[in-house]
Amino acid sequence: MAHPELSCSVKVSYLEDQSQPAAGVFAFAYTVTIVNSGDITAQLIARRWTIVDALGHTEEVRGLAVVGHQPLLKPGERFEYTSWTRLATPQGTMRGTYLCMTEDAQPFDAAVPEFMLTRAEHLH
């Protein structure tokens, strides 16, 4: 039986020029690569992110599309985009879920595993 599946991976970089550590502003870019690893065409419709800073402050972000796109991915196709977020601490975590649809309008979720938001010098 055909099944939908999107695999997600993330790369993070600290945005020095967008950050103001003295003011408690730490900006991070993240690039998400989404691959249709299933065997049917699927479309990404919406996103939900959970962002947690080092003090445990949690922010939920929900919205339609990713960077203005709702990519339709055939099996084996990929979509990559870059976005960014800010934290009040130099490190934190982020995880997410994409709401997706198959061509015959069956909804399914694609999880983005938790990843670290951190300045390189904080990795020891």
PDB file of N, CA and C in Angstrom:
ATOM      1  N   MET A   1       0.826  -1.177   0.000  1.00  0.00           N
ATOM      2  CA  MET A   1       0.000   0.000   0.000  1.00  0.00           C
ATOM      3  C   MET A   1       0.880   1.254   0.000  1.00  0.00           C
ATOM      4  N   ALA A   2       0.505   2.242  -0.766  1.00  0.00           N
ATOM      5  CA  ALA A   2       1.273   3.489  -0.840  1.00  0.00           C
ATOM      6  C   ALA A   2       1.171   4.238   0.480  1.00  0.00           C
ATOM      7  N   HIS A   3       2.265   4.868   0.850  1.00  0.00           N
ATOM      8  CA  HIS A   3       2.221   5.666   2.076  1.00  0.00           C
ATOM      9  C   HIS A   3       3.024   6.961   1.903  1.00  0.00           C
ATOM     10  N   PRO A   4       2.535   8.034   2.535  1.00  0.00           N
ATOM     11  CA  PRO A   4       3.238   9.307   2.470  1.00  0.00           C
ATOM     12  C   PRO A   4       4.305   9.398   3.560  1.00  0.00           C
ATOM     13  N   GLU A   5       5.412  10.023   3.229  1.00  0.00           N
ATOM     14  CA  GLU A   5       6.441  10.263   4.242  1.00  0.00           C
ATOM     15  C   GLU A   5       7.361  11.366   3.762  1.00  0.00           C
ATOM     16  N   LEU A   6       7.532  12.377   4.611  1.00  0.00           N
ATOM     17  CA  LEU A   6       8.505  13.430   4.337  1.00  0.00           C
ATOM     18  C   LEU A   6       9.583  13.348   5.407  1.00  0.00           C
ATOM     19  N   SER A   7      10.845  13.360   4.980  1.00  0.00           N
ATOM     20  CA  SER A   7      11.974  13.351   5.903  1.00  0.00           C
ATOM     21  C   SER A   7      12.551  14.762   5.958  1.00  0.00           C
ATOM     22  N   CYS A   8      12.876  15.215   7.172  1.00  0.00           N
ATOM     23  CA  CYS A   8      13.339  16.592   7.350  1.00  0.00           C
ATOM     24  C   CYS A   8      14.677  16.615   8.068  1.00  0.00           C
ATOM     25  N   SER A   9      15.584  17.460   7.575  1.00  0.00           N
ATOM     26  CA  SER A   9      16.856  17.687   8.258  1.00  0.00           C
ATOM     27  C   SER A   9      17.097  19.194   8.336  1.00  0.00           C
ATOM     28  N   VAL A  10      17.893  19.612   9.335  1.00  0.00           N
ATOM     29  CA  VAL A  10      18.066  21.040   9.603  1.00  0.00           C
ATOM     30  C   VAL A  10      19.536  21.358   9.842  1.00  0.00           C
ATOM     31  N   LYS A  11      19.970  22.499   9.302  1.00  0.00           N
ATOM     32  CA  LYS A  11      21.292  23.058   9.596  1.00  0.00           C
ATOM     33  C   LYS A  11      21.061  24.443  10.195  1.00  0.00           C
ATOM     34  N   VAL A  12      21.816  24.772  11.249  1.00  0.00           N
ATOM     35  CA  VAL A  12      21.633  26.029  11.969  1.00  0.00           C
ATOM     36  C   VAL A  12      22.903  26.872  11.893  1.00  0.00           C
ATOM     37  N   SER A  13      22.729  28.187  11.792  1.00  0.00           N
ATOM     38  CA  SER A  13      23.877  29.088  11.917  1.00  0.00           C
ATOM     39  C   SER A  13      23.477  30.294  12.761  1.00  0.00           C
ATOM     40  N   TYR A  14      24.427  30.766  13.542  1.00  0.00           N
ATOM     41  CA  TYR A  14      24.219  31.933  14.396  1.00  0.00           C
ATOM     42  C   TYR A  14      24.374  33.188  13.543  1.00  0.00           C
ATOM     43  N   LEU A  15      23.443  34.117  13.686  1.00  0.00           N
ATOM     44  CA  LEU A  15      23.480  35.359  12.903  1.00  0.00           C
ATOM     45  C   LEU A  15      24.082  36.481  13.752  1.00  0.00           C
ATOM     46  N   GLU A  16      25.401  36.575  13.696  1.00  0.00           N
ATOM     47  CA  GLU A  16      26.138  37.568  14.492  1.00  0.00           C
ATOM     48  C   GLU A  16      25.625  38.987  14.243  1.00  0.00           C
ATOM     49  N   ASP A  17      25.412  39.330  12.960  1.00  0.00           N
ATOM     50  CA  ASP A  17      25.029  40.701  12.605  1.00  0.00           C
ATOM     51  C   ASP A  17      23.590  41.050  12.993  1.00  0.00           C
ATOM     52  N   GLN A  18      22.757  40.044  13.282  1.00  0.00           N
ATOM     53  CA  GLN A  18      21.372  40.289  13.691  1.00  0.00           C
ATOM     54  C   GLN A  18      21.187  40.150  15.206  1.00  0.00           C
ATOM     55  N   SER A  19      22.271  39.834  15.905  1.00  0.00           N
ATOM     56  CA  SER A  19      22.200  39.578  17.345  1.00  0.00           C
ATOM     57  C   SER A  19      22.752  40.758  18.143  1.00  0.00           C
ATOM     58  N   GLN A  20      22.226  40.907  19.354  1.00  0.00           N
ATOM     59  CA  GLN A  20      22.700  41.921  20.299  1.00  0.00           C
ATOM     60  C   GLN A  20      22.800  41.254  21.668  1.00  0.00           C
ATOM     61  N   PRO A  21      23.889  40.512  21.902  1.00  0.00           N
ATOM     62  CA  PRO A  21      23.992  39.748  23.152  1.00  0.00           C
ATOM     63  C   PRO A  21      23.789  40.603  24.404  1.00  0.00           C
ATOM     64  N   ALA A  22      24.292  41.833  24.423  1.00  0.00           N
ATOM     65  CA  ALA A  22      24.133  42.689  25.606  1.00  0.00           C
ATOM     66  C   ALA A  22      22.665  43.004  25.880  1.00  0.00           C
ATOM     67  N   ALA A  23      21.839  42.981  24.829  1.00  0.00           N
ATOM     68  CA  ALA A  23      20.410  43.256  24.979  1.00  0.00           C
ATOM     69  C   ALA A  23      19.583  41.965  25.075  1.00  0.00           C
ATOM     70  N   GLY A  24      20.255  40.805  25.120  1.00  0.00           N
ATOM     71  CA  GLY A  24      19.545  39.530  25.221  1.00  0.00           C
ATOM     72  C   GLY A  24      18.834  39.138  23.937  1.00  0.00           C
ATOM     73  N   VAL A  25      19.467  39.440  22.797  1.00  0.00           N
ATOM     74  CA  VAL A  25      18.895  39.063  21.502  1.00  0.00           C
ATOM     75  C   VAL A  25      19.915  38.203  20.760  1.00  0.00           C
ATOM     76  N   PHE A  26      19.540  36.960  20.497  1.00  0.00           N
ATOM     77  CA  PHE A  26      20.409  36.012  19.799  1.00  0.00           C
ATOM     78  C   PHE A  26      19.628  35.481  18.604  1.00  0.00           C
ATOM     79  N   ALA A  27      20.116  35.757  17.395  1.00  0.00           N
ATOM     80  CA  ALA A  27      19.396  35.379  16.173  1.00  0.00           C
ATOM     81  C   ALA A  27      20.066  34.171  15.514  1.00  0.00           C
ATOM     82  N   PHE A  28      19.232  33.282  15.020  1.00  0.00           N
ATOM     83  CA  PHE A  28      19.703  32.060  14.375  1.00  0.00           C
ATOM     84  C   PHE A  28      18.967  31.845  13.067  1.00  0.00           C
ATOM     85  N   ALA A  29      19.722  31.463  12.040  1.00  0.00           N
ATOM     86  CA  ALA A  29      19.118  31.027  10.779  1.00  0.00           C
ATOM     87  C   ALA A  29      19.069  29.508  10.806  1.00  0.00           C
ATOM     88  N   TYR A  30      18.032  28.949  10.206  1.00  0.00           N
ATOM     89  CA  TYR A  30      17.966  27.491  10.078  1.00  0.00           C
ATOM     90  C   TYR A  30      17.504  27.163   8.666  1.00  0.00           C
ATOM     91  N   THR A  31      18.204  26.198   8.074  1.00  0.00           N
ATOM     92  CA  THR A  31      17.875  25.741   6.726  1.00  0.00           C
ATOM     93  C   THR A  31      17.306  24.334   6.844  1.00  0.00           C
ATOM     94  N   VAL A  32      16.071  24.183   6.367  1.00  0.00           N
ATOM     95  CA  VAL A  32      15.383  22.893   6.446  1.00  0.00           C
ATOM     96  C   VAL A  32      15.373  22.264   5.055  1.00  0.00           C
ATOM     97  N   THR A  33      15.770  21.008   4.992  1.00  0.00           N
ATOM     98  CA  THR A  33      15.667  20.230   3.763  1.00  0.00           C
ATOM     99  C   THR A  33      14.579  19.188   3.982  1.00  0.00           C
ATOM    100  N   ILE A  34      13.569  19.219   3.112  1.00  0.00           N
ATOM    101  CA  ILE A  34      12.441  18.303   3.187  1.00  0.00           C
ATOM    102  C   ILE A  34      12.502  17.396   1.966  1.00  0.00           C
ATOM    103  N   VAL A  35      12.526  16.096   2.185  1.00  0.00           N
ATOM    104  CA  VAL A  35      12.596  15.126   1.092  1.00  0.00           C
ATOM    105  C   VAL A  35      11.363  14.235   1.161  1.00  0.00           C
ATOM    106  N   ASN A  36      10.712  14.047   0.022  1.00  0.00           N
ATOM    107  CA  ASN A  36       9.602  13.100  -0.033  1.00  0.00           C
ATOM    108  C   ASN A  36      10.211  11.705  -0.123  1.00  0.00           C
ATOM    109  N   SER A  37      10.277  11.041   1.028  1.00  0.00           N
ATOM    110  CA  SER A  37      10.860   9.700   1.092  1.00  0.00           C
ATOM    111  C   SER A  37       9.780   8.621   1.032  1.00  0.00           C
ATOM    112  N   GLY A  38       8.536   9.036   0.825  1.00  0.00           N
ATOM    113  CA  GLY A  38       7.444   8.083   0.659  1.00  0.00           C
ATOM    114  C   GLY A  38       7.288   7.696  -0.798  1.00  0.00           C
ATOM    115  N   ASP A  39       6.167   7.072  -1.121  1.00  0.00           N
ATOM    116  CA  ASP A  39       5.982   6.637  -2.507  1.00  0.00           C
ATOM    117  C   ASP A  39       4.748   7.260  -3.159  1.00  0.00           C
ATOM    118  N   ILE A  40       4.239   8.348  -2.562  1.00  0.00           N
ATOM    119  CA  ILE A  40       3.152   9.110  -3.191  1.00  0.00           C
ATOM    120  C   ILE A  40       3.426  10.603  -3.055  1.00  0.00           C
ATOM    121  N   THR A  41       2.870  11.385  -3.968  1.00  0.00           N
ATOM    122  CA  THR A  41       3.052  12.834  -3.966  1.00  0.00           C
ATOM    123  C   THR A  41       2.385  13.440  -2.731  1.00  0.00           C
ATOM    124  N   ALA A  42       3.063  14.423  -2.140  1.00  0.00           N
ATOM    125  CA  ALA A  42       2.548  15.066  -0.933  1.00  0.00           C
ATOM    126  C   ALA A  42       2.809  16.567  -0.999  1.00  0.00           C
ATOM    127  N   GLN A  43       1.929  17.337  -0.342  1.00  0.00           N
ATOM    128  CA  GLN A  43       2.082  18.785  -0.301  1.00  0.00           C
ATOM    129  C   GLN A  43       2.169  19.252   1.147  1.00  0.00           C
ATOM    130  N   LEU A  44       3.131  20.134   1.392  1.00  0.00           N
ATOM    131  CA  LEU A  44       3.273  20.754   2.705  1.00  0.00           C
ATOM    132  C   LEU A  44       2.296  21.927   2.767  1.00  0.00           C
ATOM    133  N   ILE A  45       1.432  21.934   3.772  1.00  0.00           N
ATOM    134  CA  ILE A  45       0.369  22.929   3.880  1.00  0.00           C
ATOM    135  C   ILE A  45       0.667  23.974   4.965  1.00  0.00           C
ATOM    136  N   ALA A  46       1.087  23.510   6.137  1.00  0.00           N
ATOM    137  CA  ALA A  46       1.263  24.417   7.277  1.00  0.00           C
ATOM    138  C   ALA A  46       2.390  23.918   8.166  1.00  0.00           C
ATOM    139  N   ARG A  47       2.792  24.778   9.115  1.00  0.00           N
ATOM    140  CA  ARG A  47       3.889  24.435  10.021  1.00  0.00           C
ATOM    141  C   ARG A  47       3.511  24.794  11.452  1.00  0.00           C
ATOM    142  N   ARG A  48       4.137  24.085  12.378  1.00  0.00           N
ATOM    143  CA  ARG A  48       4.023  24.394  13.805  1.00  0.00           C
ATOM    144  C   ARG A  48       5.401  24.177  14.419  1.00  0.00           C
ATOM    145  N   TRP A  49       5.942  25.216  15.032  1.00  0.00           N
ATOM    146  CA  TRP A  49       7.252  25.144  15.676  1.00  0.00           C
ATOM    147  C   TRP A  49       7.104  25.345  17.177  1.00  0.00           C
ATOM    148  N   THR A  50       7.925  24.652  17.938  1.00  0.00           N
ATOM    149  CA  THR A  50       8.063  24.895  19.373  1.00  0.00           C
ATOM    150  C   THR A  50       9.514  25.304  19.605  1.00  0.00           C
ATOM    151  N   ILE A  51       9.691  26.513  20.119  1.00  0.00           N
ATOM    152  CA  ILE A  51      11.022  27.085  20.337  1.00  0.00           C
ATOM    153  C   ILE A  51      11.193  27.291  21.839  1.00  0.00           C
ATOM    154  N   VAL A  52      12.271  26.760  22.394  1.00  0.00           N
ATOM    155  CA  VAL A  52      12.505  26.835  23.833  1.00  0.00           C
ATOM    156  C   VAL A  52      13.895  27.416  24.072  1.00  0.00           C
ATOM    157  N   ASP A  53      13.981  28.488  24.887  1.00  0.00           N
ATOM    158  CA  ASP A  53      15.301  29.044  25.174  1.00  0.00           C
ATOM    159  C   ASP A  53      15.898  28.352  26.402  1.00  0.00           C
ATOM    160  N   ALA A  54      17.117  28.750  26.770  1.00  0.00           N
ATOM    161  CA  ALA A  54      17.844  28.082  27.856  1.00  0.00           C
ATOM    162  C   ALA A  54      17.182  28.287  29.216  1.00  0.00           C
ATOM    163  N   LEU A  55      16.295  29.274  29.337  1.00  0.00           N
ATOM    164  CA  LEU A  55      15.582  29.519  30.593  1.00  0.00           C
ATOM    165  C   LEU A  55      14.240  28.789  30.647  1.00  0.00           C
ATOM    166  N   GLY A  56      13.928  28.041  29.575  1.00  0.00           N
ATOM    167  CA  GLY A  56      12.695  27.284  29.544  1.00  0.00           C
ATOM    168  C   GLY A  56      11.505  28.050  28.975  1.00  0.00           C
ATOM    169  N   HIS A  57      11.729  29.292  28.540  1.00  0.00           N
ATOM    170  CA  HIS A  57      10.646  30.059  27.919  1.00  0.00           C
ATOM    171  C   HIS A  57      10.289  29.399  26.591  1.00  0.00           C
ATOM    172  N   THR A  58       9.003  29.083  26.404  1.00  0.00           N
ATOM    173  CA  THR A  58       8.547  28.361  25.218  1.00  0.00           C
ATOM    174  C   THR A  58       7.671  29.247  24.357  1.00  0.00           C
ATOM    175  N   GLU A  59       7.927  29.195  23.061  1.00  0.00           N
ATOM    176  CA  GLU A  59       7.121  29.937  22.101  1.00  0.00           C
ATOM    177  C   GLU A  59       6.613  28.963  21.047  1.00  0.00           C
ATOM    178  N   GLU A  60       5.318  29.042  20.756  1.00  0.00           N
ATOM    179  CA  GLU A  60       4.713  28.237  19.693  1.00  0.00           C
ATOM    180  C   GLU A  60       4.489  29.138  18.488  1.00  0.00           C
ATOM    181  N   VAL A  61       4.913  28.685  17.320  1.00  0.00           N
ATOM    182  CA  VAL A  61       4.713  29.438  16.090  1.00  0.00           C
ATOM    183  C   VAL A  61       3.944  28.539  15.122  1.00  0.00           C
ATOM    184  N   ARG A  62       2.826  29.044  14.619  1.00  0.00           N
ATOM    185  CA  ARG A  62       1.999  28.284  13.675  1.00  0.00           C
ATOM    186  C   ARG A  62       1.720  29.157  12.470  1.00  0.00           C
ATOM    187  N   GLY A  63       1.573  28.538  11.319  1.00  0.00           N
ATOM    188  CA  GLY A  63       1.210  29.310  10.138  1.00  0.00           C
ATOM    189  C   GLY A  63       1.087  28.446   8.908  1.00  0.00           C
ATOM    190  N   LEU A  64       0.451  29.010   7.908  1.00  0.00           N
ATOM    191  CA  LEU A  64       0.343  28.344   6.620  1.00  0.00           C
ATOM    192  C   LEU A  64       1.660  28.462   5.879  1.00  0.00           C
ATOM    193  N   ALA A  65       2.007  27.458   5.142  1.00  0.00           N
ATOM    194  CA  ALA A  65       3.165  27.464   4.236  1.00  0.00           C
ATOM    195  C   ALA A  65       4.492  27.609   4.989  1.00  0.00           C
ATOM    196  N   VAL A  66       5.577  27.564   4.228  1.00  0.00           N
ATOM    197  CA  VAL A  66       6.924  27.855   4.722  1.00  0.00           C
ATOM    198  C   VAL A  66       7.517  28.871   3.757  1.00  0.00           C
ATOM    199  N   VAL A  67       7.985  29.973   4.269  1.00  0.00           N
ATOM    200  CA  VAL A  67       8.508  31.096   3.473  1.00  0.00           C
ATOM    201  C   VAL A  67       7.655  31.366   2.227  1.00  0.00           C
ATOM    202  N   GLY A  68       6.337  31.357   2.425  1.00  0.00           N
ATOM    203  CA  GLY A  68       5.425  31.684   1.331  1.00  0.00           C
ATOM    204  C   GLY A  68       5.154  30.568   0.330  1.00  0.00           C
ATOM    205  N   HIS A  69       5.657  29.368   0.595  1.00  0.00           N
ATOM    206  CA  HIS A  69       5.491  28.252  -0.345  1.00  0.00           C
ATOM    207  C   HIS A  69       4.741  27.103   0.317  1.00  0.00           C
ATOM    208  N   GLN A  70       3.965  26.398  -0.484  1.00  0.00           N
ATOM    209  CA  GLN A  70       3.348  25.133  -0.077  1.00  0.00           C
ATOM    210  C   GLN A  70       3.798  24.086  -1.100  1.00  0.00           C
ATOM    211  N   PRO A  71       5.057  23.651  -0.966  1.00  0.00           N
ATOM    212  CA  PRO A  71       5.636  22.794  -2.015  1.00  0.00           C
ATOM    213  C   PRO A  71       4.906  21.464  -2.185  1.00  0.00           C
ATOM    214  N   LEU A  72       4.726  21.093  -3.454  1.00  0.00           N
ATOM    215  CA  LEU A  72       4.167  19.804  -3.841  1.00  0.00           C
ATOM    216  C   LEU A  72       5.348  18.932  -4.258  1.00  0.00           C
ATOM    217  N   LEU A  73       5.571  17.858  -3.520  1.00  0.00           N
ATOM    218  CA  LEU A  73       6.753  17.024  -3.742  1.00  0.00           C
ATOM    219  C   LEU A  73       6.363  15.631  -4.209  1.00  0.00           C
ATOM    220  N   LYS A  74       6.862  15.261  -5.380  1.00  0.00           N
ATOM    221  CA  LYS A  74       6.697  13.892  -5.867  1.00  0.00           C
ATOM    222  C   LYS A  74       7.710  13.014  -5.134  1.00  0.00           C
ATOM    223  N   PRO A  75       7.510  11.695  -5.133  1.00  0.00           N
ATOM    224  CA  PRO A  75       8.478  10.822  -4.472  1.00  0.00           C
ATOM    225  C   PRO A  75       9.906  11.113  -4.950  1.00  0.00           C
ATOM    226  N   GLY A  76      10.810  11.278  -3.976  1.00  0.00           N
ATOM    227  CA  GLY A  76      12.213  11.548  -4.284  1.00  0.00           C
ATOM    228  C   GLY A  76      12.543  13.026  -4.429  1.00  0.00           C
ATOM    229  N   GLU A  77      11.544  13.888  -4.586  1.00  0.00           N
ATOM    230  CA  GLU A  77      11.821  15.317  -4.727  1.00  0.00           C
ATOM    231  C   GLU A  77      12.113  15.942  -3.374  1.00  0.00           C
ATOM    232  N   ARG A  78      12.815  17.098  -3.430  1.00  0.00           N
ATOM    233  CA  ARG A  78      13.184  17.790  -2.200  1.00  0.00           C
ATOM    234  C   ARG A  78      12.863  19.270  -2.318  1.00  0.00           C
ATOM    235  N   PHE A  79      12.698  19.905  -1.147  1.00  0.00           N
ATOM    236  CA  PHE A  79      12.483  21.340  -1.059  1.00  0.00           C
ATOM    237  C   PHE A  79      13.332  21.834   0.090  1.00  0.00           C
ATOM    238  N   GLU A  80      14.033  22.930  -0.132  1.00  0.00           N
ATOM    239  CA  GLU A  80      14.896  23.481   0.903  1.00  0.00           C
ATOM    240  C   GLU A  80      14.566  24.942   1.085  1.00  0.00           C
ATOM    241  N   TYR A  81      14.526  25.399   2.325  1.00  0.00           N
ATOM    242  CA  TYR A  81      14.299  26.813   2.596  1.00  0.00           C
ATOM    243  C   TYR A  81      15.052  27.228   3.845  1.00  0.00           C
ATOM    244  N   THR A  82      15.277  28.532   3.955  1.00  0.00           N
ATOM    245  CA  THR A  82      15.953  29.099   5.119  1.00  0.00           C
ATOM    246  C   THR A  82      15.046  30.124   5.767  1.00  0.00           C
ATOM    247  N   SER A  83      14.964  30.063   7.084  1.00  0.00           N
ATOM    248  CA  SER A  83      14.223  31.037   7.865  1.00  0.00           C
ATOM    249  C   SER A  83      15.072  31.387   9.082  1.00  0.00           C
ATOM    250  N   TRP A  84      14.503  32.124  10.013  1.00  0.00           N
ATOM    251  CA  TRP A  84      15.288  32.503  11.188  1.00  0.00           C
ATOM    252  C   TRP A  84      14.383  32.715  12.384  1.00  0.00           C
ATOM    253  N   THR A  85      15.009  32.753  13.562  1.00  0.00           N
ATOM    254  CA  THR A  85      14.302  33.011  14.808  1.00  0.00           C
ATOM    255  C   THR A  85      15.246  33.718  15.767  1.00  0.00           C
ATOM    256  N   ARG A  86      14.667  34.279  16.815  1.00  0.00           N
ATOM    257  CA  ARG A  86      15.456  34.953  17.853  1.00  0.00           C
ATOM    258  C   ARG A  86      15.170  34.316  19.203  1.00  0.00           C
ATOM    259  N   LEU A  87      16.206  34.279  20.034  1.00  0.00           N
ATOM    260  CA  LEU A  87      16.082  33.808  21.412  1.00  0.00           C
ATOM    261  C   LEU A  87      16.575  34.900  22.349  1.00  0.00           C
ATOM    262  N   ALA A  88      16.196  34.797  23.624  1.00  0.00           N
ATOM    263  CA  ALA A  88      16.702  35.713  24.654  1.00  0.00           C
ATOM    264  C   ALA A  88      17.952  35.142  25.321  1.00  0.00           C
ATOM    265  N   THR A  89      18.353  33.927  24.940  1.00  0.00           N
ATOM    266  CA  THR A  89      19.535  33.268  25.507  1.00  0.00           C
ATOM    267  C   THR A  89      20.421  32.780  24.351  1.00  0.00           C
ATOM    268  N   PRO A  90      21.727  32.545  24.617  1.00  0.00           N
ATOM    269  CA  PRO A  90      22.621  32.132  23.529  1.00  0.00           C
ATOM    270  C   PRO A  90      22.404  30.708  23.037  1.00  0.00           C
ATOM    271  N   GLN A  91      21.526  29.970  23.684  1.00  0.00           N
ATOM    272  CA  GLN A  91      21.203  28.648  23.171  1.00  0.00           C
ATOM    273  C   GLN A  91      19.786  28.252  23.528  1.00  0.00           C
ATOM    274  N   GLY A  92      19.281  27.291  22.766  1.00  0.00           N
ATOM    275  CA  GLY A  92      17.932  26.790  22.969  1.00  0.00           C
ATOM    276  C   GLY A  92      17.692  25.637  22.021  1.00  0.00           C
ATOM    277  N   THR A  93      16.435  25.245  21.912  1.00  0.00           N
ATOM    278  CA  THR A  93      16.085  24.141  21.016  1.00  0.00           C
ATOM    279  C   THR A  93      14.847  24.519  20.206  1.00  0.00           C
ATOM    280  N   MET A  94      14.673  23.784  19.135  1.00  0.00           N
ATOM    281  CA  MET A  94      13.527  23.996  18.276  1.00  0.00           C
ATOM    282  C   MET A  94      13.111  22.634  17.727  1.00  0.00           C
ATOM    283  N   ARG A  95      11.812  22.424  17.601  1.00  0.00           N
ATOM    284  CA  ARG A  95      11.294  21.213  16.960  1.00  0.00           C
ATOM    285  C   ARG A  95       9.995  21.607  16.277  1.00  0.00           C
ATOM    286  N   GLY A  96       9.579  20.792  15.337  1.00  0.00           N
ATOM    287  CA  GLY A  96       8.390  21.197  14.599  1.00  0.00           C
ATOM    288  C   GLY A  96       7.642  20.058  13.961  1.00  0.00           C
ATOM    289  N   THR A  97       6.514  20.440  13.375  1.00  0.00           N
ATOM    290  CA  THR A  97       5.671  19.517  12.639  1.00  0.00           C
ATOM    291  C   THR A  97       5.129  20.239  11.421  1.00  0.00           C
ATOM    292  N   TYR A  98       5.176  19.571  10.291  1.00  0.00           N
ATOM    293  CA  TYR A  98       4.532  20.090   9.086  1.00  0.00           C
ATOM    294  C   TYR A  98       3.232  19.327   8.882  1.00  0.00           C
ATOM    295  N   LEU A  99       2.147  20.074   8.656  1.00  0.00           N
ATOM    296  CA  LEU A  99       0.885  19.453   8.261  1.00  0.00           C
ATOM    297  C   LEU A  99       0.940  19.297   6.752  1.00  0.00           C
ATOM    298  N   CYS A 100       0.737  18.082   6.290  1.00  0.00           N
ATOM    299  CA  CYS A 100       0.844  17.773   4.865  1.00  0.00           C
ATOM    300  C   CYS A 100      -0.424  17.088   4.389  1.00  0.00           C
ATOM    301  N   MET A 101      -0.576  17.061   3.069  1.00  0.00           N
ATOM    302  CA  MET A 101      -1.718  16.390   2.435  1.00  0.00           C
ATOM    303  C   MET A 101      -1.222  15.541   1.286  1.00  0.00           C
ATOM    304  N   THR A 102      -1.856  14.385   1.124  1.00  0.00           N
ATOM    305  CA  THR A 102      -1.599  13.585  -0.070  1.00  0.00           C
ATOM    306  C   THR A 102      -2.459  14.148  -1.199  1.00  0.00           C
ATOM    307  N   GLU A 103      -2.212  13.678  -2.425  1.00  0.00           N
ATOM    308  CA  GLU A 103      -2.994  14.154  -3.572  1.00  0.00           C
ATOM    309  C   GLU A 103      -4.478  13.849  -3.435  1.00  0.00           C
ATOM    310  N   ASP A 104      -4.820  12.805  -2.672  1.00  0.00           N
ATOM    311  CA  ASP A 104      -6.239  12.492  -2.476  1.00  0.00           C
ATOM    312  C   ASP A 104      -6.763  13.048  -1.148  1.00  0.00           C
ATOM    313  N   ALA A 105      -6.102  14.137  -0.676  1.00  0.00           N
ATOM    314  CA  ALA A 105      -6.546  14.926   0.484  1.00  0.00           C
ATOM    315  C   ALA A 105      -6.549  14.163   1.806  1.00  0.00           C
ATOM    316  N   GLN A 106      -5.612  13.244   1.978  1.00  0.00           N
ATOM    317  CA  GLN A 106      -5.433  12.574   3.267  1.00  0.00           C
ATOM    318  C   GLN A 106      -4.373  13.350   4.055  1.00  0.00           C
ATOM    319  N   PRO A 107      -4.723  13.901   5.215  1.00  0.00           N
ATOM    320  CA  PRO A 107      -3.729  14.657   5.984  1.00  0.00           C
ATOM    321  C   PRO A 107      -2.742  13.726   6.692  1.00  0.00           C
ATOM    322  N   PHE A 108      -1.531  14.204   6.856  1.00  0.00           N
ATOM    323  CA  PHE A 108      -0.540  13.497   7.670  1.00  0.00           C
ATOM    324  C   PHE A 108       0.463  14.514   8.184  1.00  0.00           C
ATOM    325  N   ASP A 109       1.173  14.160   9.246  1.00  0.00           N
ATOM    326  CA  ASP A 109       2.182  15.042   9.825  1.00  0.00           C
ATOM    327  C   ASP A 109       3.576  14.552   9.472  1.00  0.00           C
ATOM    328  N   ALA A 110       4.472  15.505   9.268  1.00  0.00           N
ATOM    329  CA  ALA A 110       5.892  15.199   9.091  1.00  0.00           C
ATOM    330  C   ALA A 110       6.632  15.915  10.221  1.00  0.00           C
ATOM    331  N   ALA A 111       7.327  15.149  11.039  1.00  0.00           N
ATOM    332  CA  ALA A 111       8.010  15.718  12.202  1.00  0.00           C
ATOM    333  C   ALA A 111       9.388  16.245  11.829  1.00  0.00           C
ATOM    334  N   VAL A 112       9.740  17.370  12.444  1.00  0.00           N
ATOM    335  CA  VAL A 112      11.111  17.888  12.362  1.00  0.00           C
ATOM    336  C   VAL A 112      11.714  17.615  13.736  1.00  0.00           C
ATOM    337  N   PRO A 113      12.678  16.686  13.816  1.00  0.00           N
ATOM    338  CA  PRO A 113      13.248  16.346  15.119  1.00  0.00           C
ATOM    339  C   PRO A 113      13.873  17.575  15.786  1.00  0.00           C
ATOM    340  N   GLU A 114      13.892  17.547  17.113  1.00  0.00           N
ATOM    341  CA  GLU A 114      14.464  18.666  17.866  1.00  0.00           C
ATOM    342  C   GLU A 114      15.913  18.911  17.443  1.00  0.00           C
ATOM    343  N   PHE A 115      16.249  20.195  17.311  1.00  0.00           N
ATOM    344  CA  PHE A 115      17.628  20.574  16.995  1.00  0.00           C
ATOM    345  C   PHE A 115      18.041  21.733  17.879  1.00  0.00           C
ATOM    346  N   MET A 116      19.368  21.883  18.031  1.00  0.00           N
ATOM    347  CA  MET A 116      19.932  22.912  18.908  1.00  0.00           C
ATOM    348  C   MET A 116      20.095  24.229  18.169  1.00  0.00           C
ATOM    349  N   LEU A 117      19.768  25.316  18.859  1.00  0.00           N
ATOM    350  CA  LEU A 117      20.114  26.660  18.425  1.00  0.00           C
ATOM    351  C   LEU A 117      21.207  27.100  19.390  1.00  0.00           C
ATOM    352  N   THR A 118      22.426  27.274  18.877  1.00  0.00           N
ATOM    353  CA  THR A 118      23.517  27.650  19.758  1.00  0.00           C
ATOM    354  C   THR A 118      24.632  28.337  18.999  1.00  0.00           C
ATOM    355  N   ARG A 119      25.326  29.226  19.678  1.00  0.00           N
ATOM    356  CA  ARG A 119      26.511  29.845  19.100  1.00  0.00           C
ATOM    357  C   ARG A 119      27.620  28.811  19.117  1.00  0.00           C
ATOM    358  N   ALA A 120      28.419  28.783  18.069  1.00  0.00           N
ATOM    359  CA  ALA A 120      29.469  27.755  17.943  1.00  0.00           C
ATOM    360  C   ALA A 120      30.362  27.674  19.176  1.00  0.00           C
ATOM    361  N   GLU A 121      30.714  28.825  19.767  1.00  0.00           N
ATOM    362  CA  GLU A 121      31.616  28.798  20.919  1.00  0.00           C
ATOM    363  C   GLU A 121      30.964  28.206  22.165  1.00  0.00           C
ATOM    364  N   HIS A 122      29.648  27.972  22.130  1.00  0.00           N
ATOM    365  CA  HIS A 122      28.959  27.363  23.265  1.00  0.00           C
ATOM    366  C   HIS A 122      28.896  25.840  23.145  1.00  0.00           C
ATOM    367  N   LEU A 123      29.430  25.276  22.068  1.00  0.00           N
ATOM    368  CA  LEU A 123      29.460  23.819  21.902  1.00  0.00           C
ATOM    369  C   LEU A 123      30.747  23.268  22.495  1.00  0.00           C
ATOM    370  N   HIS A 124      30.661  22.716  23.699  1.00  0.00           N
ATOM    371  CA  HIS A 124      31.852  22.140  24.351  1.00  0.00           C
ATOM    372  C   HIS A 124      31.530  20.768  24.854  1.00  0.00           C
TER     373      HIS A 124
END
